[in-house]
N, C-alpha and C. Protein backbone atom coordinates (compact mmCIF):
# COMPACT_ATOMS: atom_id res chain seq x y z
N MET A 1 0.84 -1.20 0.00
CA MET A 1 0.00 0.00 0.00
C MET A 1 0.88 1.25 0.00
N THR A 2 0.60 2.16 -0.92
CA THR A 2 1.39 3.39 -1.01
C THR A 2 0.94 4.36 0.08
N PRO A 3 1.78 5.38 0.37
CA PRO A 3 1.37 6.38 1.37
C PRO A 3 0.05 7.06 1.01
N LYS A 4 -0.18 7.35 -0.26
CA LYS A 4 -1.44 7.98 -0.66
C LYS A 4 -2.62 7.04 -0.43
N GLN A 5 -2.44 5.76 -0.75
CA GLN A 5 -3.52 4.80 -0.53
C GLN A 5 -3.88 4.70 0.96
N LYS A 6 -2.84 4.70 1.81
CA LYS A 6 -3.07 4.65 3.25
C LYS A 6 -3.77 5.92 3.72
N TYR A 7 -3.35 7.06 3.16
CA TYR A 7 -3.98 8.34 3.50
C TYR A 7 -5.45 8.32 3.13
N TYR A 8 -5.76 7.86 1.93
CA TYR A 8 -7.16 7.78 1.50
C TYR A 8 -7.97 6.88 2.43
N GLU A 9 -7.39 5.76 2.82
CA GLU A 9 -8.09 4.82 3.70
C GLU A 9 -8.37 5.45 5.05
N ASN A 10 -7.38 6.14 5.61
CA ASN A 10 -7.55 6.79 6.90
C ASN A 10 -8.60 7.90 6.82
N LEU A 11 -8.52 8.68 5.75
CA LEU A 11 -9.47 9.77 5.56
C LEU A 11 -10.89 9.23 5.39
N ALA A 12 -11.01 8.14 4.66
CA ALA A 12 -12.32 7.52 4.45
C ALA A 12 -12.92 7.04 5.78
N ASP A 13 -12.10 6.48 6.64
CA ASP A 13 -12.59 6.03 7.95
C ASP A 13 -13.21 7.20 8.72
N SER A 14 -12.55 8.34 8.66
CA SER A 14 -13.06 9.53 9.34
C SER A 14 -14.36 10.02 8.70
N LEU A 15 -14.40 10.00 7.38
CA LEU A 15 -15.60 10.45 6.67
C LEU A 15 -16.79 9.53 6.92
N ILE A 16 -16.54 8.24 6.97
CA ILE A 16 -17.62 7.28 7.23
C ILE A 16 -18.27 7.57 8.58
N GLU A 17 -17.47 7.92 9.55
CA GLU A 17 -18.00 8.28 10.87
C GLU A 17 -18.85 9.55 10.78
N LYS A 18 -18.37 10.55 10.05
CA LYS A 18 -19.10 11.80 9.88
C LYS A 18 -20.42 11.57 9.14
N PHE A 19 -20.39 10.74 8.11
CA PHE A 19 -21.62 10.42 7.37
C PHE A 19 -22.64 9.77 8.29
N GLY A 20 -22.17 8.89 9.15
CA GLY A 20 -23.07 8.20 10.07
C GLY A 20 -23.85 9.16 10.94
N LEU A 21 -23.21 10.24 11.37
CA LEU A 21 -23.89 11.25 12.19
C LEU A 21 -24.97 11.96 11.40
N ARG A 22 -24.87 11.91 10.08
CA ARG A 22 -25.83 12.59 9.20
C ARG A 22 -26.85 11.61 8.59
N GLN A 23 -26.93 10.42 9.15
CA GLN A 23 -27.86 9.37 8.72
C GLN A 23 -27.59 8.92 7.28
N ILE A 24 -26.31 8.99 6.90
CA ILE A 24 -25.88 8.55 5.58
C ILE A 24 -24.98 7.32 5.76
N GLU A 25 -25.32 6.25 5.09
CA GLU A 25 -24.55 5.00 5.17
C GLU A 25 -23.35 5.13 4.23
N ALA A 26 -22.17 4.76 4.68
CA ALA A 26 -20.99 4.93 3.84
C ALA A 26 -20.04 3.74 3.92
N TYR A 27 -19.34 3.52 2.83
CA TYR A 27 -18.38 2.42 2.71
C TYR A 27 -17.14 2.92 2.00
N TYR A 28 -16.07 2.14 2.10
CA TYR A 28 -14.83 2.48 1.39
C TYR A 28 -14.44 1.34 0.48
N ALA A 29 -14.04 1.68 -0.74
CA ALA A 29 -13.50 0.72 -1.70
C ALA A 29 -12.11 1.19 -2.08
N SER A 30 -11.15 0.30 -2.07
CA SER A 30 -9.77 0.71 -2.32
C SER A 30 -9.52 1.11 -3.77
N ASP A 31 -10.32 0.56 -4.71
CA ASP A 31 -10.13 0.90 -6.12
C ASP A 31 -11.45 0.80 -6.87
N ARG A 32 -11.41 1.12 -8.15
CA ARG A 32 -12.65 1.15 -8.95
C ARG A 32 -13.30 -0.21 -9.11
N LYS A 33 -12.49 -1.26 -9.16
CA LYS A 33 -13.04 -2.60 -9.29
C LYS A 33 -13.87 -2.97 -8.07
N GLU A 34 -13.32 -2.71 -6.90
CA GLU A 34 -14.05 -3.00 -5.66
C GLU A 34 -15.28 -2.11 -5.54
N ALA A 35 -15.16 -0.87 -5.99
CA ALA A 35 -16.30 0.06 -5.95
C ALA A 35 -17.45 -0.46 -6.81
N CYS A 36 -17.13 -0.95 -7.99
CA CYS A 36 -18.16 -1.48 -8.88
C CYS A 36 -18.81 -2.72 -8.25
N GLN A 37 -18.00 -3.55 -7.62
CA GLN A 37 -18.53 -4.75 -6.97
C GLN A 37 -19.49 -4.38 -5.85
N LYS A 38 -19.12 -3.37 -5.05
CA LYS A 38 -19.99 -2.94 -3.96
C LYS A 38 -21.29 -2.35 -4.50
N ALA A 39 -21.19 -1.59 -5.59
CA ALA A 39 -22.39 -0.98 -6.18
C ALA A 39 -23.30 -2.05 -6.78
N CYS A 40 -22.71 -3.07 -7.35
CA CYS A 40 -23.50 -4.12 -8.02
C CYS A 40 -24.28 -4.97 -7.03
N ARG A 41 -23.97 -4.88 -5.76
CA ARG A 41 -24.74 -5.61 -4.75
C ARG A 41 -26.19 -5.15 -4.72
N TYR A 42 -26.43 -3.93 -5.19
CA TYR A 42 -27.78 -3.39 -5.18
C TYR A 42 -28.58 -3.77 -6.42
N LEU A 43 -27.94 -4.40 -7.39
CA LEU A 43 -28.61 -4.73 -8.65
C LEU A 43 -29.31 -6.09 -8.57
N SER A 44 -30.30 -6.17 -7.71
CA SER A 44 -31.04 -7.42 -7.58
C SER A 44 -32.04 -7.55 -8.73
N PRO A 45 -32.27 -8.78 -9.22
CA PRO A 45 -33.17 -8.99 -10.36
C PRO A 45 -34.55 -8.39 -10.12
N GLY A 46 -35.03 -7.64 -11.10
CA GLY A 46 -36.36 -7.07 -11.03
C GLY A 46 -36.46 -5.69 -10.43
N CYS A 47 -35.42 -5.24 -9.72
CA CYS A 47 -35.49 -3.90 -9.14
C CYS A 47 -35.31 -2.86 -10.25
N SER A 48 -35.81 -1.66 -10.01
CA SER A 48 -35.69 -0.59 -11.01
C SER A 48 -34.50 0.29 -10.68
N VAL A 49 -33.75 0.65 -11.73
CA VAL A 49 -32.48 1.35 -11.56
C VAL A 49 -32.36 2.50 -12.55
N ALA A 50 -31.79 3.61 -12.10
CA ALA A 50 -31.51 4.74 -12.97
C ALA A 50 -30.22 5.40 -12.49
N TRP A 51 -29.74 6.36 -13.24
CA TRP A 51 -28.50 7.03 -12.87
C TRP A 51 -28.44 8.43 -13.45
N GLY A 52 -27.63 9.26 -12.82
CA GLY A 52 -27.40 10.62 -13.32
C GLY A 52 -26.14 10.65 -14.14
N GLY A 53 -26.00 11.66 -14.98
CA GLY A 53 -24.80 11.79 -15.79
C GLY A 53 -23.56 11.82 -14.92
N SER A 54 -22.58 10.97 -15.21
CA SER A 54 -21.41 10.86 -14.33
C SER A 54 -20.24 10.21 -15.06
N VAL A 55 -19.12 10.88 -15.06
CA VAL A 55 -17.89 10.29 -15.58
C VAL A 55 -17.43 9.15 -14.68
N THR A 56 -17.57 9.35 -13.38
CA THR A 56 -17.14 8.35 -12.41
C THR A 56 -17.82 7.00 -12.62
N LEU A 57 -19.14 7.00 -12.81
CA LEU A 57 -19.86 5.74 -12.99
C LEU A 57 -19.38 5.00 -14.22
N ASN A 58 -19.05 5.74 -15.26
CA ASN A 58 -18.49 5.10 -16.46
C ASN A 58 -17.10 4.56 -16.20
N GLU A 59 -16.29 5.32 -15.47
CA GLU A 59 -14.90 4.92 -15.23
C GLU A 59 -14.80 3.63 -14.42
N ILE A 60 -15.74 3.39 -13.52
CA ILE A 60 -15.65 2.16 -12.72
C ILE A 60 -16.38 0.99 -13.39
N GLY A 61 -17.02 1.25 -14.54
CA GLY A 61 -17.69 0.19 -15.29
C GLY A 61 -19.11 -0.10 -14.82
N LEU A 62 -19.68 0.79 -14.01
CA LEU A 62 -20.99 0.51 -13.45
C LEU A 62 -22.11 0.61 -14.48
N ILE A 63 -22.03 1.56 -15.39
CA ILE A 63 -23.11 1.72 -16.38
C ILE A 63 -23.25 0.45 -17.22
N ASP A 64 -22.13 -0.09 -17.65
CA ASP A 64 -22.18 -1.35 -18.42
C ASP A 64 -22.77 -2.48 -17.58
N ALA A 65 -22.40 -2.52 -16.30
CA ALA A 65 -22.92 -3.57 -15.41
C ALA A 65 -24.42 -3.43 -15.22
N ILE A 66 -24.91 -2.20 -15.11
CA ILE A 66 -26.35 -1.96 -14.96
C ILE A 66 -27.10 -2.44 -16.19
N LYS A 67 -26.58 -2.07 -17.36
CA LYS A 67 -27.26 -2.43 -18.60
C LYS A 67 -27.24 -3.94 -18.85
N ALA A 68 -26.25 -4.63 -18.30
CA ALA A 68 -26.15 -6.08 -18.48
C ALA A 68 -26.89 -6.85 -17.38
N SER A 69 -27.46 -6.14 -16.41
CA SER A 69 -28.12 -6.80 -15.28
C SER A 69 -29.54 -7.21 -15.62
N ASP A 70 -30.17 -7.88 -14.66
CA ASP A 70 -31.57 -8.28 -14.82
C ASP A 70 -32.53 -7.28 -14.19
N CYS A 71 -32.04 -6.06 -14.01
CA CYS A 71 -32.86 -5.01 -13.42
C CYS A 71 -33.75 -4.36 -14.49
N THR A 72 -34.76 -3.65 -14.03
CA THR A 72 -35.54 -2.78 -14.92
C THR A 72 -34.78 -1.47 -15.00
N VAL A 73 -34.25 -1.17 -16.18
CA VAL A 73 -33.35 -0.03 -16.35
C VAL A 73 -34.09 1.16 -16.96
N TYR A 74 -34.01 2.29 -16.28
CA TYR A 74 -34.57 3.53 -16.79
C TYR A 74 -33.42 4.42 -17.26
N ASP A 75 -33.21 4.45 -18.57
CA ASP A 75 -32.09 5.18 -19.15
C ASP A 75 -32.60 6.45 -19.83
N ARG A 76 -32.38 7.59 -19.20
CA ARG A 76 -32.88 8.84 -19.76
C ARG A 76 -32.15 9.23 -21.04
N PHE A 77 -31.00 8.62 -21.26
CA PHE A 77 -30.23 8.92 -22.47
C PHE A 77 -30.73 8.11 -23.68
N ALA A 78 -31.68 7.22 -23.43
CA ALA A 78 -32.20 6.36 -24.50
C ALA A 78 -33.49 6.90 -25.12
N VAL A 79 -33.95 8.06 -24.65
CA VAL A 79 -35.18 8.65 -25.20
C VAL A 79 -34.86 10.01 -25.81
N ASP A 80 -35.71 10.44 -26.73
CA ASP A 80 -35.40 11.65 -27.50
C ASP A 80 -36.43 12.76 -27.37
N THR A 81 -37.70 12.44 -27.53
CA THR A 81 -38.71 13.49 -27.59
C THR A 81 -39.02 14.05 -26.20
N PRO A 82 -39.52 15.28 -26.12
CA PRO A 82 -39.89 15.86 -24.82
C PRO A 82 -40.89 15.00 -24.07
N GLU A 83 -41.84 14.40 -24.78
CA GLU A 83 -42.84 13.55 -24.14
C GLU A 83 -42.20 12.31 -23.53
N GLU A 84 -41.27 11.69 -24.28
CA GLU A 84 -40.59 10.50 -23.79
C GLU A 84 -39.73 10.84 -22.57
N LYS A 85 -39.06 11.99 -22.62
CA LYS A 85 -38.20 12.41 -21.51
C LYS A 85 -39.03 12.67 -20.26
N ARG A 86 -40.17 13.31 -20.43
CA ARG A 86 -41.04 13.59 -19.29
C ARG A 86 -41.51 12.29 -18.64
N GLU A 87 -41.90 11.34 -19.47
CA GLU A 87 -42.34 10.05 -18.95
C GLU A 87 -41.21 9.31 -18.25
N MET A 88 -40.01 9.40 -18.84
CA MET A 88 -38.86 8.73 -18.24
C MET A 88 -38.50 9.32 -16.89
N PHE A 89 -38.52 10.64 -16.78
CA PHE A 89 -38.21 11.27 -15.50
C PHE A 89 -39.22 10.89 -14.43
N GLY A 90 -40.47 10.66 -14.83
CA GLY A 90 -41.48 10.20 -13.89
C GLY A 90 -41.16 8.82 -13.35
N ARG A 91 -40.66 7.96 -14.23
CA ARG A 91 -40.27 6.61 -13.80
C ARG A 91 -39.04 6.66 -12.88
N ILE A 92 -38.08 7.50 -13.27
CA ILE A 92 -36.86 7.62 -12.47
C ILE A 92 -37.18 8.09 -11.05
N ALA A 93 -38.16 8.97 -10.95
CA ALA A 93 -38.51 9.55 -9.65
C ALA A 93 -39.00 8.51 -8.66
N THR A 94 -39.44 7.35 -9.15
CA THR A 94 -39.95 6.32 -8.23
C THR A 94 -39.13 5.02 -8.31
N CYS A 95 -37.92 5.10 -8.86
CA CYS A 95 -37.11 3.88 -9.01
C CYS A 95 -36.58 3.41 -7.65
N ASP A 96 -36.13 2.15 -7.62
CA ASP A 96 -35.61 1.57 -6.38
C ASP A 96 -34.21 2.09 -6.04
N TYR A 97 -33.37 2.20 -7.06
CA TYR A 97 -31.98 2.62 -6.84
C TYR A 97 -31.56 3.65 -7.88
N TYR A 98 -31.03 4.76 -7.40
CA TYR A 98 -30.53 5.81 -8.27
C TYR A 98 -29.04 5.98 -7.99
N PHE A 99 -28.22 5.84 -9.02
CA PHE A 99 -26.77 5.95 -8.88
C PHE A 99 -26.29 7.30 -9.40
N MET A 100 -25.32 7.87 -8.71
CA MET A 100 -24.75 9.15 -9.12
C MET A 100 -23.39 9.32 -8.45
N SER A 101 -22.68 10.35 -8.83
CA SER A 101 -21.49 10.73 -8.10
C SER A 101 -21.79 12.03 -7.37
N SER A 102 -20.81 12.55 -6.68
CA SER A 102 -20.96 13.85 -6.03
C SER A 102 -19.83 14.73 -6.52
N ASN A 103 -20.13 16.00 -6.77
CA ASN A 103 -19.10 16.91 -7.26
C ASN A 103 -18.04 17.18 -6.21
N ALA A 104 -18.46 17.16 -4.94
CA ALA A 104 -17.51 17.39 -3.85
C ALA A 104 -18.09 16.84 -2.55
N ILE A 105 -17.19 16.51 -1.63
CA ILE A 105 -17.56 16.01 -0.31
C ILE A 105 -16.71 16.75 0.72
N THR A 106 -17.34 17.30 1.73
CA THR A 106 -16.59 18.04 2.74
C THR A 106 -16.06 17.11 3.82
N LEU A 107 -15.06 17.56 4.53
CA LEU A 107 -14.44 16.75 5.57
C LEU A 107 -15.41 16.40 6.70
N ASP A 108 -16.47 17.20 6.86
CA ASP A 108 -17.45 16.88 7.91
C ASP A 108 -18.64 16.10 7.37
N GLY A 109 -18.53 15.59 6.13
CA GLY A 109 -19.54 14.67 5.62
C GLY A 109 -20.72 15.27 4.89
N GLN A 110 -20.56 16.45 4.30
CA GLN A 110 -21.63 17.04 3.50
C GLN A 110 -21.35 16.81 2.01
N LEU A 111 -22.42 16.55 1.26
CA LEU A 111 -22.32 16.38 -0.18
C LEU A 111 -22.66 17.71 -0.84
N VAL A 112 -21.82 18.14 -1.77
CA VAL A 112 -22.06 19.40 -2.47
C VAL A 112 -22.12 19.12 -3.97
N ASN A 113 -23.22 19.54 -4.60
CA ASN A 113 -23.41 19.28 -6.01
C ASN A 113 -23.95 20.51 -6.73
N ILE A 114 -23.50 20.69 -7.97
CA ILE A 114 -23.98 21.77 -8.82
C ILE A 114 -24.48 21.16 -10.12
N ASP A 115 -25.70 21.55 -10.52
CA ASP A 115 -26.34 20.98 -11.71
C ASP A 115 -26.82 22.06 -12.66
N GLY A 116 -27.10 21.61 -13.88
CA GLY A 116 -27.70 22.49 -14.88
C GLY A 116 -29.21 22.50 -14.71
N ASN A 117 -29.89 21.51 -15.33
CA ASN A 117 -31.36 21.49 -15.21
C ASN A 117 -31.85 20.88 -13.91
N GLY A 118 -30.96 20.24 -13.15
CA GLY A 118 -31.30 19.80 -11.80
C GLY A 118 -31.86 18.40 -11.66
N ASN A 119 -31.91 17.62 -12.76
CA ASN A 119 -32.49 16.28 -12.64
C ASN A 119 -31.71 15.38 -11.67
N ARG A 120 -30.40 15.54 -11.65
CA ARG A 120 -29.56 14.70 -10.78
C ARG A 120 -29.77 15.07 -9.31
N VAL A 121 -29.69 16.35 -9.00
CA VAL A 121 -29.84 16.75 -7.60
C VAL A 121 -31.28 16.58 -7.14
N ALA A 122 -32.24 16.65 -8.06
CA ALA A 122 -33.64 16.41 -7.69
C ALA A 122 -33.80 14.98 -7.17
N SER A 123 -33.17 14.03 -7.86
CA SER A 123 -33.25 12.62 -7.44
C SER A 123 -32.51 12.39 -6.13
N LEU A 124 -31.44 13.13 -5.93
CA LEU A 124 -30.71 13.03 -4.67
C LEU A 124 -31.58 13.49 -3.51
N ILE A 125 -32.32 14.56 -3.72
CA ILE A 125 -33.12 15.15 -2.66
C ILE A 125 -34.36 14.33 -2.34
N HIS A 126 -35.06 13.87 -3.39
CA HIS A 126 -36.36 13.25 -3.16
C HIS A 126 -36.76 12.37 -4.34
N GLY A 127 -37.44 11.27 -4.05
CA GLY A 127 -37.96 10.42 -5.13
C GLY A 127 -37.50 8.99 -5.02
N PRO A 128 -36.37 8.63 -5.66
CA PRO A 128 -35.90 7.25 -5.62
C PRO A 128 -35.79 6.72 -4.19
N GLN A 129 -36.08 5.45 -4.03
CA GLN A 129 -36.07 4.86 -2.69
C GLN A 129 -34.68 4.84 -2.08
N ASN A 130 -33.67 4.60 -2.91
CA ASN A 130 -32.28 4.59 -2.45
C ASN A 130 -31.42 5.38 -3.43
N VAL A 131 -30.48 6.14 -2.90
CA VAL A 131 -29.53 6.88 -3.73
C VAL A 131 -28.12 6.41 -3.39
N ILE A 132 -27.41 5.90 -4.40
CA ILE A 132 -26.05 5.40 -4.19
C ILE A 132 -25.07 6.39 -4.81
N VAL A 133 -24.29 7.04 -3.97
CA VAL A 133 -23.31 8.04 -4.42
C VAL A 133 -21.93 7.40 -4.45
N ILE A 134 -21.27 7.45 -5.59
CA ILE A 134 -19.93 6.87 -5.73
C ILE A 134 -18.96 8.00 -6.08
N ALA A 135 -17.93 8.17 -5.29
CA ALA A 135 -17.02 9.29 -5.51
C ALA A 135 -15.58 8.94 -5.17
N GLY A 136 -14.68 9.38 -6.02
CA GLY A 136 -13.26 9.22 -5.76
C GLY A 136 -12.82 10.14 -4.62
N MET A 137 -11.77 9.77 -3.93
CA MET A 137 -11.31 10.56 -2.80
C MET A 137 -10.74 11.91 -3.22
N ASN A 138 -10.51 12.09 -4.51
CA ASN A 138 -10.08 13.40 -5.00
C ASN A 138 -11.17 14.46 -4.88
N LYS A 139 -12.41 14.03 -4.59
CA LYS A 139 -13.53 14.96 -4.46
C LYS A 139 -13.62 15.56 -3.05
N VAL A 140 -12.81 15.09 -2.13
CA VAL A 140 -12.89 15.54 -0.74
C VAL A 140 -12.21 16.90 -0.57
N VAL A 141 -12.92 17.83 0.06
CA VAL A 141 -12.42 19.19 0.28
C VAL A 141 -12.67 19.59 1.73
N PRO A 142 -12.02 20.67 2.20
CA PRO A 142 -12.17 21.04 3.61
C PRO A 142 -13.59 21.43 4.03
N ASP A 143 -14.27 22.25 3.21
CA ASP A 143 -15.56 22.79 3.64
C ASP A 143 -16.43 23.13 2.43
N VAL A 144 -17.64 23.63 2.70
CA VAL A 144 -18.59 23.92 1.63
C VAL A 144 -18.07 24.99 0.68
N GLU A 145 -17.46 26.02 1.22
CA GLU A 145 -16.91 27.09 0.37
C GLU A 145 -15.87 26.52 -0.60
N SER A 146 -14.98 25.68 -0.09
CA SER A 146 -13.97 25.04 -0.93
C SER A 146 -14.62 24.14 -1.97
N ALA A 147 -15.71 23.49 -1.56
CA ALA A 147 -16.42 22.59 -2.47
C ALA A 147 -16.97 23.36 -3.67
N VAL A 148 -17.63 24.48 -3.41
CA VAL A 148 -18.22 25.26 -4.49
C VAL A 148 -17.12 25.78 -5.42
N LYS A 149 -16.02 26.23 -4.86
CA LYS A 149 -14.91 26.71 -5.68
C LYS A 149 -14.33 25.59 -6.53
N ARG A 150 -14.19 24.42 -5.91
CA ARG A 150 -13.67 23.28 -6.65
C ARG A 150 -14.57 22.92 -7.83
N ILE A 151 -15.86 22.84 -7.56
CA ILE A 151 -16.80 22.44 -8.61
C ILE A 151 -16.80 23.43 -9.76
N ARG A 152 -16.88 24.71 -9.44
CA ARG A 152 -17.01 25.73 -10.48
C ARG A 152 -15.74 25.92 -11.29
N ASN A 153 -14.58 25.64 -10.67
CA ASN A 153 -13.32 25.87 -11.37
C ASN A 153 -12.60 24.61 -11.84
N MET A 154 -12.92 23.45 -11.26
CA MET A 154 -12.21 22.22 -11.62
C MET A 154 -13.12 21.16 -12.23
N ALA A 155 -14.40 21.18 -11.88
CA ALA A 155 -15.32 20.16 -12.40
C ALA A 155 -16.17 20.68 -13.55
N ALA A 156 -16.73 21.87 -13.40
CA ALA A 156 -17.61 22.41 -14.44
C ALA A 156 -16.91 22.63 -15.78
N PRO A 157 -15.72 23.21 -15.82
CA PRO A 157 -15.08 23.45 -17.13
C PRO A 157 -14.88 22.18 -17.96
N PRO A 158 -14.27 21.10 -17.42
CA PRO A 158 -14.12 19.90 -18.24
C PRO A 158 -15.46 19.22 -18.56
N ASN A 159 -16.44 19.35 -17.68
CA ASN A 159 -17.75 18.80 -17.96
C ASN A 159 -18.42 19.55 -19.11
N ALA A 160 -18.24 20.86 -19.15
CA ALA A 160 -18.80 21.65 -20.25
C ALA A 160 -18.15 21.25 -21.57
N VAL A 161 -16.85 21.00 -21.53
CA VAL A 161 -16.14 20.54 -22.73
C VAL A 161 -16.67 19.17 -23.15
N ARG A 162 -16.83 18.27 -22.18
CA ARG A 162 -17.32 16.91 -22.46
C ARG A 162 -18.70 16.93 -23.11
N LEU A 163 -19.53 17.85 -22.65
CA LEU A 163 -20.90 17.94 -23.15
C LEU A 163 -21.02 18.82 -24.39
N ASN A 164 -19.88 19.38 -24.82
CA ASN A 164 -19.85 20.27 -25.99
C ASN A 164 -20.75 21.49 -25.79
N TYR A 165 -20.72 22.02 -24.57
CA TYR A 165 -21.48 23.22 -24.25
C TYR A 165 -20.60 24.45 -24.47
N HIS A 166 -21.19 25.48 -24.97
CA HIS A 166 -20.43 26.70 -25.28
C HIS A 166 -20.54 27.67 -24.10
N THR A 167 -19.71 27.45 -23.13
CA THR A 167 -19.67 28.29 -21.94
C THR A 167 -18.32 28.98 -21.84
N PRO A 168 -18.23 30.10 -21.16
CA PRO A 168 -16.93 30.75 -20.97
C PRO A 168 -15.91 29.82 -20.31
N CYS A 169 -16.38 29.00 -19.34
CA CYS A 169 -15.43 28.13 -18.63
C CYS A 169 -14.85 27.05 -19.53
N SER A 170 -15.62 26.64 -20.56
CA SER A 170 -15.10 25.61 -21.47
C SER A 170 -13.95 26.15 -22.31
N GLU A 171 -13.88 27.47 -22.44
CA GLU A 171 -12.79 28.08 -23.22
C GLU A 171 -11.69 28.64 -22.32
N LEU A 172 -12.09 29.17 -21.16
CA LEU A 172 -11.11 29.78 -20.25
C LEU A 172 -10.47 28.76 -19.31
N GLY A 173 -11.18 27.65 -19.04
CA GLY A 173 -10.67 26.67 -18.10
C GLY A 173 -10.91 27.04 -16.65
N ARG A 174 -11.75 28.04 -16.42
CA ARG A 174 -12.09 28.47 -15.06
C ARG A 174 -13.47 29.13 -15.10
N CYS A 175 -14.08 29.25 -13.94
CA CYS A 175 -15.43 29.82 -13.85
C CYS A 175 -15.42 31.31 -14.20
N ALA A 176 -16.41 31.73 -14.97
CA ALA A 176 -16.59 33.14 -15.30
C ALA A 176 -17.90 33.67 -14.72
N ASP A 177 -18.52 32.89 -13.81
CA ASP A 177 -19.77 33.29 -13.18
C ASP A 177 -20.80 33.72 -14.24
N CYS A 178 -20.95 32.88 -15.25
CA CYS A 178 -21.75 33.26 -16.42
C CYS A 178 -23.24 33.03 -16.24
N PHE A 179 -24.01 33.62 -17.16
CA PHE A 179 -25.45 33.41 -17.25
C PHE A 179 -25.81 32.98 -18.67
N CYS A 180 -24.87 32.30 -19.34
CA CYS A 180 -25.09 31.95 -20.73
C CYS A 180 -26.09 30.81 -20.86
N GLU A 181 -26.59 30.61 -22.05
CA GLU A 181 -27.63 29.62 -22.31
C GLU A 181 -27.21 28.22 -21.92
N ASP A 182 -25.94 27.88 -22.13
CA ASP A 182 -25.46 26.53 -21.85
C ASP A 182 -24.93 26.34 -20.42
N CYS A 183 -25.11 27.32 -19.58
CA CYS A 183 -24.58 27.26 -18.21
C CYS A 183 -25.01 25.98 -17.51
N ILE A 184 -24.08 25.28 -16.88
CA ILE A 184 -24.40 24.05 -16.15
C ILE A 184 -24.30 24.24 -14.64
N CYS A 185 -24.21 25.49 -14.21
CA CYS A 185 -24.11 25.80 -12.78
C CYS A 185 -25.35 26.58 -12.32
N ASP A 186 -26.51 25.98 -12.48
CA ASP A 186 -27.76 26.66 -12.15
C ASP A 186 -28.30 26.30 -10.77
N GLN A 187 -28.06 25.08 -10.34
CA GLN A 187 -28.58 24.61 -9.06
C GLN A 187 -27.41 24.21 -8.16
N ILE A 188 -27.35 24.77 -6.97
CA ILE A 188 -26.33 24.40 -5.98
C ILE A 188 -27.04 23.74 -4.81
N VAL A 189 -26.71 22.48 -4.55
CA VAL A 189 -27.39 21.72 -3.49
C VAL A 189 -26.37 21.21 -2.48
N ILE A 190 -26.62 21.52 -1.23
CA ILE A 190 -25.78 21.04 -0.13
C ILE A 190 -26.60 20.03 0.67
N THR A 191 -26.14 18.80 0.70
CA THR A 191 -26.84 17.76 1.46
C THR A 191 -26.11 17.58 2.79
N ARG A 192 -26.69 18.11 3.85
CA ARG A 192 -26.03 18.04 5.16
C ARG A 192 -26.53 16.86 5.99
N ARG A 193 -27.63 16.21 5.52
CA ARG A 193 -28.19 15.10 6.28
C ARG A 193 -29.22 14.38 5.43
N SER A 194 -29.34 13.07 5.60
CA SER A 194 -30.38 12.31 4.93
C SER A 194 -31.60 12.28 5.85
N PHE A 195 -32.71 12.86 5.40
CA PHE A 195 -33.92 12.91 6.23
C PHE A 195 -34.40 11.51 6.55
N ILE A 196 -34.38 10.62 5.55
CA ILE A 196 -34.71 9.21 5.75
C ILE A 196 -33.41 8.47 6.07
N PRO A 197 -33.29 7.86 7.24
CA PRO A 197 -32.04 7.21 7.61
C PRO A 197 -31.54 6.21 6.57
N ASN A 198 -30.31 6.40 6.13
CA ASN A 198 -29.60 5.51 5.21
C ASN A 198 -30.23 5.41 3.82
N ARG A 199 -31.13 6.33 3.48
CA ARG A 199 -31.62 6.37 2.09
C ARG A 199 -30.45 6.69 1.16
N ILE A 200 -29.58 7.59 1.58
CA ILE A 200 -28.39 7.93 0.82
C ILE A 200 -27.25 7.05 1.30
N LYS A 201 -26.58 6.41 0.35
CA LYS A 201 -25.43 5.56 0.66
C LYS A 201 -24.25 6.05 -0.17
N VAL A 202 -23.10 6.17 0.45
CA VAL A 202 -21.91 6.69 -0.23
C VAL A 202 -20.84 5.61 -0.29
N ILE A 203 -20.30 5.41 -1.48
CA ILE A 203 -19.14 4.52 -1.66
C ILE A 203 -17.95 5.41 -2.00
N LEU A 204 -17.03 5.54 -1.08
CA LEU A 204 -15.81 6.32 -1.30
C LEU A 204 -14.78 5.41 -1.95
N VAL A 205 -14.10 5.93 -2.96
CA VAL A 205 -13.15 5.11 -3.72
C VAL A 205 -11.75 5.68 -3.61
N GLY A 206 -10.79 4.83 -3.28
CA GLY A 206 -9.41 5.26 -3.08
C GLY A 206 -8.65 5.50 -4.37
N GLU A 207 -9.30 6.18 -5.30
CA GLU A 207 -8.68 6.55 -6.57
C GLU A 207 -9.16 7.96 -6.95
N GLU A 208 -8.48 8.54 -7.91
CA GLU A 208 -8.95 9.82 -8.46
C GLU A 208 -9.87 9.52 -9.62
N LEU A 209 -11.14 9.86 -9.45
CA LEU A 209 -12.17 9.53 -10.44
C LEU A 209 -12.98 10.78 -10.79
N GLY A 210 -13.47 10.84 -12.02
CA GLY A 210 -14.30 11.95 -12.43
C GLY A 210 -13.55 13.26 -12.47
N TYR A 211 -14.32 14.34 -12.41
CA TYR A 211 -13.73 15.69 -12.46
C TYR A 211 -13.86 16.39 -11.13
């Protein structure tokens, strides 16, 4: 085990304790393979599953695992028309398991996320019976203020490039506090506690994943 791996493990132990105080169930996986295995435990045959846009979920191989499972899969990326999307979001809102990552996690166990149209954070807040958050330890920051700065300057710019959105940050590589049409920083959500005990479950991964 390298010094960084040991550091991540120690930090995760502390975070798991903090999450527990906030009624959030948390686990640690040393790498992406173990993280995918832990996430796949929730893919029981017949259950309904959906996910939010996430580089992390793709990097650990979870999206492929979901699509290959015996679950009822609600894939919002598989529909095109406004009517189909509206119907799909209705199904996602009542699914058994919703998978996502978090843009940032504070040292005291708060999840901080910034969204464009808000479908991801909406599912985090309310709807799906269980929300499984998977995040690399590179997402951990000291506090909420640091989290927002990290997201707007380190996560949003590459995400805008990935989505081919024409935002100032996609060209400048840093936040310009814009109000442009393609802005993906419209909703800022801080999750300080799970109202329903253990509805939110976090898998911390001892790797650098996502943006």
